[in-house]
Amino acid sequence: PHFLLLVSPGGQTRVAWLFFATNESRPGELSRGSRHLVRVISEDLNCPNTRCEVEAGVWMEFAVEVTDEADMSQVIARSTGKLRRAVDELNWDLVLAAE
């Protein structure tokens, strides 16, 4: 898994995780269409309410899409512009949007 720390100009702080998932028993032998890209993003971790609720956990949102990409660095490189827009515009759905 790869994680990204996203901090907006106003101080919102979120963590995004990106990882591959499959239902294959041997991940090294993935067939076409059996690899999924999972994107998970936390709620704002720099919110006063979050500090009070940290013992109960934080809300996470996620999205899953089928992918042929095998290199996570390529996924992140293609998503850089979208991630910057998400932070600048506080439009966190962009982090979860499919390629």
N, C-alpha and C. Protein backbone atom coordinates (compact mmCIF):
# COMPACT_ATOMS: atom_id res chain seq x y z
N PRO A 1 0.83 -1.21 0.00
CA PRO A 1 0.00 0.00 0.00
C PRO A 1 0.87 1.26 0.00
N HIS A 2 0.34 2.29 -0.60
CA HIS A 2 0.99 3.60 -0.60
C HIS A 2 0.06 4.57 0.11
N PHE A 3 0.63 5.49 0.86
CA PHE A 3 -0.22 6.50 1.48
C PHE A 3 0.26 7.88 1.09
N LEU A 4 -0.68 8.81 1.09
CA LEU A 4 -0.40 10.20 0.77
C LEU A 4 -0.96 11.06 1.89
N LEU A 5 -0.18 12.01 2.35
CA LEU A 5 -0.64 12.98 3.33
C LEU A 5 -1.07 14.21 2.56
N LEU A 6 -2.34 14.58 2.67
CA LEU A 6 -2.90 15.70 1.91
C LEU A 6 -3.26 16.81 2.89
N VAL A 7 -2.62 17.97 2.75
CA VAL A 7 -2.85 19.11 3.64
C VAL A 7 -3.27 20.30 2.79
N SER A 8 -4.45 20.84 3.07
CA SER A 8 -4.97 21.96 2.29
C SER A 8 -4.38 23.27 2.82
N PRO A 9 -4.47 24.35 2.02
CA PRO A 9 -3.99 25.65 2.49
C PRO A 9 -4.67 26.11 3.78
N GLY A 10 -5.92 25.68 3.99
CA GLY A 10 -6.66 26.06 5.20
C GLY A 10 -6.40 25.15 6.38
N GLY A 11 -5.59 24.11 6.19
CA GLY A 11 -5.21 23.24 7.29
C GLY A 11 -5.93 21.91 7.36
N GLN A 12 -6.88 21.65 6.44
CA GLN A 12 -7.48 20.32 6.45
C GLN A 12 -6.39 19.29 6.18
N THR A 13 -6.42 18.23 6.94
CA THR A 13 -5.40 17.19 6.82
C THR A 13 -6.09 15.84 6.66
N ARG A 14 -5.78 15.18 5.58
CA ARG A 14 -6.37 13.88 5.29
C ARG A 14 -5.27 12.92 4.85
N VAL A 15 -5.53 11.65 5.04
CA VAL A 15 -4.61 10.61 4.59
C VAL A 15 -5.34 9.78 3.54
N ALA A 16 -4.68 9.55 2.42
CA ALA A 16 -5.22 8.68 1.37
C ALA A 16 -4.32 7.46 1.25
N TRP A 17 -4.94 6.30 1.09
CA TRP A 17 -4.21 5.06 0.86
C TRP A 17 -4.60 4.54 -0.51
N LEU A 18 -3.64 4.09 -1.26
CA LEU A 18 -3.89 3.46 -2.56
C LEU A 18 -3.22 2.10 -2.55
N PHE A 19 -3.96 1.09 -2.95
CA PHE A 19 -3.38 -0.25 -2.99
C PHE A 19 -4.13 -1.11 -4.00
N PHE A 20 -3.49 -2.20 -4.38
CA PHE A 20 -4.10 -3.15 -5.29
C PHE A 20 -4.73 -4.28 -4.48
N ALA A 21 -5.84 -4.78 -4.99
CA ALA A 21 -6.51 -5.93 -4.37
C ALA A 21 -6.90 -6.90 -5.48
N THR A 22 -6.97 -8.16 -5.13
CA THR A 22 -7.37 -9.17 -6.10
C THR A 22 -8.05 -10.32 -5.38
N ASN A 23 -8.79 -11.10 -6.11
CA ASN A 23 -9.37 -12.31 -5.54
C ASN A 23 -8.59 -13.55 -5.98
N GLU A 24 -7.46 -13.32 -6.66
CA GLU A 24 -6.61 -14.42 -7.11
C GLU A 24 -5.79 -14.95 -5.93
N SER A 25 -5.55 -16.24 -5.91
CA SER A 25 -4.76 -16.82 -4.82
C SER A 25 -3.27 -16.58 -4.99
N ARG A 26 -2.84 -16.28 -6.23
CA ARG A 26 -1.43 -16.01 -6.50
C ARG A 26 -1.31 -14.64 -7.16
N PRO A 27 -1.13 -13.59 -6.37
CA PRO A 27 -1.10 -12.23 -6.92
C PRO A 27 -0.07 -12.03 -8.03
N GLY A 28 1.00 -12.79 -8.06
CA GLY A 28 2.01 -12.64 -9.09
C GLY A 28 1.55 -13.12 -10.47
N GLU A 29 0.45 -13.84 -10.50
CA GLU A 29 -0.06 -14.40 -11.75
C GLU A 29 -1.45 -13.85 -12.06
N LEU A 30 -1.61 -12.56 -11.97
CA LEU A 30 -2.92 -11.95 -12.15
C LEU A 30 -3.38 -12.03 -13.60
N SER A 31 -4.61 -12.42 -13.77
CA SER A 31 -5.19 -12.42 -15.11
C SER A 31 -5.76 -11.03 -15.40
N ARG A 32 -5.94 -10.73 -16.67
CA ARG A 32 -6.47 -9.43 -17.07
C ARG A 32 -7.84 -9.22 -16.42
N GLY A 33 -8.02 -8.07 -15.81
CA GLY A 33 -9.30 -7.75 -15.19
C GLY A 33 -9.46 -8.25 -13.78
N SER A 34 -8.44 -8.91 -13.24
CA SER A 34 -8.58 -9.42 -11.87
C SER A 34 -7.90 -8.52 -10.84
N ARG A 35 -7.23 -7.48 -11.29
CA ARG A 35 -6.57 -6.55 -10.37
C ARG A 35 -7.49 -5.34 -10.18
N HIS A 36 -7.64 -4.92 -8.92
CA HIS A 36 -8.47 -3.77 -8.60
C HIS A 36 -7.61 -2.73 -7.88
N LEU A 37 -7.85 -1.48 -8.20
CA LEU A 37 -7.21 -0.37 -7.51
C LEU A 37 -8.18 0.12 -6.45
N VAL A 38 -7.72 0.16 -5.22
CA VAL A 38 -8.55 0.63 -4.11
C VAL A 38 -7.99 1.96 -3.64
N ARG A 39 -8.88 2.94 -3.50
CA ARG A 39 -8.52 4.27 -2.99
C ARG A 39 -9.33 4.52 -1.73
N VAL A 40 -8.65 4.89 -0.66
CA VAL A 40 -9.31 5.16 0.62
C VAL A 40 -8.85 6.53 1.08
N ILE A 41 -9.78 7.35 1.60
CA ILE A 41 -9.40 8.66 2.13
C ILE A 41 -10.10 8.87 3.48
N SER A 42 -9.35 9.45 4.40
CA SER A 42 -9.89 9.72 5.73
C SER A 42 -10.69 11.02 5.73
N GLU A 43 -11.42 11.22 6.81
CA GLU A 43 -12.04 12.51 7.02
C GLU A 43 -10.95 13.49 7.45
N ASP A 44 -11.29 14.75 7.64
CA ASP A 44 -10.32 15.76 8.07
C ASP A 44 -9.80 15.39 9.46
N LEU A 45 -8.52 15.13 9.57
CA LEU A 45 -7.92 14.74 10.84
C LEU A 45 -7.49 15.92 11.69
N ASN A 46 -7.63 17.13 11.15
CA ASN A 46 -7.24 18.34 11.86
C ASN A 46 -8.47 19.13 12.31
N CYS A 47 -9.57 18.45 12.49
CA CYS A 47 -10.82 19.08 12.89
C CYS A 47 -11.00 18.91 14.39
N PRO A 48 -11.46 19.93 15.10
CA PRO A 48 -11.65 19.79 16.55
C PRO A 48 -12.54 18.59 16.92
N ASN A 49 -13.58 18.33 16.15
CA ASN A 49 -14.45 17.18 16.43
C ASN A 49 -13.70 15.87 16.29
N THR A 50 -12.80 15.79 15.36
CA THR A 50 -12.04 14.56 15.14
C THR A 50 -11.17 14.26 16.35
N ARG A 51 -10.58 15.30 16.92
CA ARG A 51 -9.73 15.08 18.10
C ARG A 51 -10.53 14.45 19.23
N CYS A 52 -11.76 14.88 19.40
CA CYS A 52 -12.60 14.34 20.47
C CYS A 52 -13.05 12.91 20.18
N GLU A 53 -13.20 12.58 18.91
CA GLU A 53 -13.75 11.29 18.53
C GLU A 53 -12.69 10.27 18.15
N VAL A 54 -11.42 10.60 18.31
CA VAL A 54 -10.35 9.73 17.83
C VAL A 54 -10.40 8.34 18.48
N GLU A 55 -10.88 8.25 19.69
CA GLU A 55 -10.95 6.94 20.34
C GLU A 55 -11.99 6.05 19.68
N ALA A 56 -12.98 6.64 19.02
CA ALA A 56 -14.03 5.86 18.36
C ALA A 56 -13.65 5.53 16.92
N GLY A 57 -12.57 6.11 16.41
CA GLY A 57 -12.17 5.89 15.02
C GLY A 57 -12.59 7.06 14.15
N VAL A 58 -12.18 7.05 12.91
CA VAL A 58 -12.53 8.12 11.98
C VAL A 58 -13.23 7.52 10.77
N TRP A 59 -14.05 8.33 10.13
CA TRP A 59 -14.75 7.90 8.93
C TRP A 59 -13.78 7.84 7.76
N MET A 60 -13.97 6.84 6.93
CA MET A 60 -13.17 6.68 5.73
C MET A 60 -14.13 6.50 4.56
N GLU A 61 -13.73 6.99 3.40
CA GLU A 61 -14.48 6.73 2.18
C GLU A 61 -13.56 5.94 1.25
N PHE A 62 -14.16 5.12 0.40
CA PHE A 62 -13.32 4.34 -0.51
C PHE A 62 -13.99 4.17 -1.86
N ALA A 63 -13.17 3.83 -2.83
CA ALA A 63 -13.64 3.51 -4.18
C ALA A 63 -12.75 2.39 -4.72
N VAL A 64 -13.34 1.55 -5.56
CA VAL A 64 -12.61 0.43 -6.15
C VAL A 64 -12.87 0.43 -7.65
N GLU A 65 -11.83 0.20 -8.43
CA GLU A 65 -11.98 0.11 -9.88
C GLU A 65 -11.07 -0.99 -10.42
N VAL A 66 -11.48 -1.61 -11.50
CA VAL A 66 -10.65 -2.60 -12.17
C VAL A 66 -9.54 -1.85 -12.90
N THR A 67 -8.32 -2.39 -12.84
CA THR A 67 -7.20 -1.74 -13.50
C THR A 67 -6.27 -2.78 -14.13
N ASP A 68 -5.62 -2.39 -15.20
CA ASP A 68 -4.58 -3.22 -15.80
C ASP A 68 -3.20 -2.76 -15.35
N GLU A 69 -3.13 -1.62 -14.68
CA GLU A 69 -1.86 -1.05 -14.23
C GLU A 69 -1.27 -1.93 -13.12
N ALA A 70 0.01 -2.21 -13.21
CA ALA A 70 0.68 -3.03 -12.20
C ALA A 70 1.66 -2.21 -11.36
N ASP A 71 1.88 -0.96 -11.73
CA ASP A 71 2.87 -0.12 -11.07
C ASP A 71 2.18 1.04 -10.35
N MET A 72 2.19 1.00 -9.02
CA MET A 72 1.50 2.03 -8.25
C MET A 72 2.11 3.41 -8.48
N SER A 73 3.41 3.49 -8.73
CA SER A 73 4.01 4.81 -8.99
C SER A 73 3.41 5.45 -10.23
N GLN A 74 3.03 4.65 -11.22
CA GLN A 74 2.37 5.18 -12.42
C GLN A 74 0.96 5.68 -12.09
N VAL A 75 0.26 4.95 -11.25
CA VAL A 75 -1.08 5.38 -10.83
C VAL A 75 -1.00 6.72 -10.14
N ILE A 76 -0.05 6.86 -9.22
CA ILE A 76 0.10 8.12 -8.48
C ILE A 76 0.55 9.24 -9.41
N ALA A 77 1.47 8.96 -10.31
CA ALA A 77 1.94 9.99 -11.25
C ALA A 77 0.80 10.51 -12.11
N ARG A 78 -0.07 9.62 -12.59
CA ARG A 78 -1.21 10.05 -13.40
C ARG A 78 -2.24 10.82 -12.58
N SER A 79 -2.26 10.61 -11.27
CA SER A 79 -3.26 11.24 -10.40
C SER A 79 -2.78 12.54 -9.79
N THR A 80 -1.54 12.94 -10.02
CA THR A 80 -0.98 14.12 -9.34
C THR A 80 -1.82 15.37 -9.54
N GLY A 81 -2.21 15.66 -10.77
CA GLY A 81 -3.02 16.86 -11.03
C GLY A 81 -4.34 16.82 -10.32
N LYS A 82 -4.98 15.67 -10.35
CA LYS A 82 -6.27 15.50 -9.69
C LYS A 82 -6.13 15.65 -8.17
N LEU A 83 -5.05 15.13 -7.61
CA LEU A 83 -4.82 15.24 -6.17
C LEU A 83 -4.58 16.69 -5.77
N ARG A 84 -3.83 17.43 -6.57
CA ARG A 84 -3.60 18.85 -6.28
C ARG A 84 -4.90 19.64 -6.32
N ARG A 85 -5.73 19.35 -7.32
CA ARG A 85 -7.04 20.02 -7.40
C ARG A 85 -7.90 19.68 -6.19
N ALA A 86 -7.88 18.44 -5.77
CA ALA A 86 -8.67 18.02 -4.60
C ALA A 86 -8.27 18.83 -3.38
N VAL A 87 -6.97 19.01 -3.18
CA VAL A 87 -6.48 19.76 -2.03
C VAL A 87 -6.82 21.24 -2.16
N ASP A 88 -6.57 21.83 -3.31
CA ASP A 88 -6.81 23.26 -3.51
C ASP A 88 -8.28 23.63 -3.44
N GLU A 89 -9.15 22.76 -3.98
CA GLU A 89 -10.58 23.05 -4.06
C GLU A 89 -11.38 22.40 -2.93
N LEU A 90 -10.71 21.67 -2.05
CA LEU A 90 -11.38 20.90 -0.99
C LEU A 90 -12.45 19.99 -1.58
N ASN A 91 -12.15 19.45 -2.74
CA ASN A 91 -13.06 18.54 -3.43
C ASN A 91 -12.50 17.13 -3.31
N TRP A 92 -12.72 16.52 -2.16
CA TRP A 92 -12.07 15.25 -1.83
C TRP A 92 -12.60 14.08 -2.67
N ASP A 93 -13.75 14.25 -3.31
CA ASP A 93 -14.25 13.20 -4.20
C ASP A 93 -13.29 12.96 -5.36
N LEU A 94 -12.49 13.96 -5.71
CA LEU A 94 -11.52 13.79 -6.79
C LEU A 94 -10.49 12.71 -6.46
N VAL A 95 -10.18 12.55 -5.18
CA VAL A 95 -9.22 11.52 -4.77
C VAL A 95 -9.78 10.13 -5.08
N LEU A 96 -11.09 10.00 -4.96
CA LEU A 96 -11.73 8.70 -5.17
C LEU A 96 -12.14 8.46 -6.61
N ALA A 97 -12.09 9.49 -7.45
CA ALA A 97 -12.57 9.38 -8.83
C ALA A 97 -11.71 8.42 -9.64
N ALA A 98 -12.36 7.67 -10.49
CA ALA A 98 -11.67 6.71 -11.36
C ALA A 98 -10.82 7.45 -12.38
N GLU A 99 -9.81 6.76 -12.87
CA GLU A 99 -8.92 7.33 -13.90
C GLU A 99 -9.66 7.50 -15.19
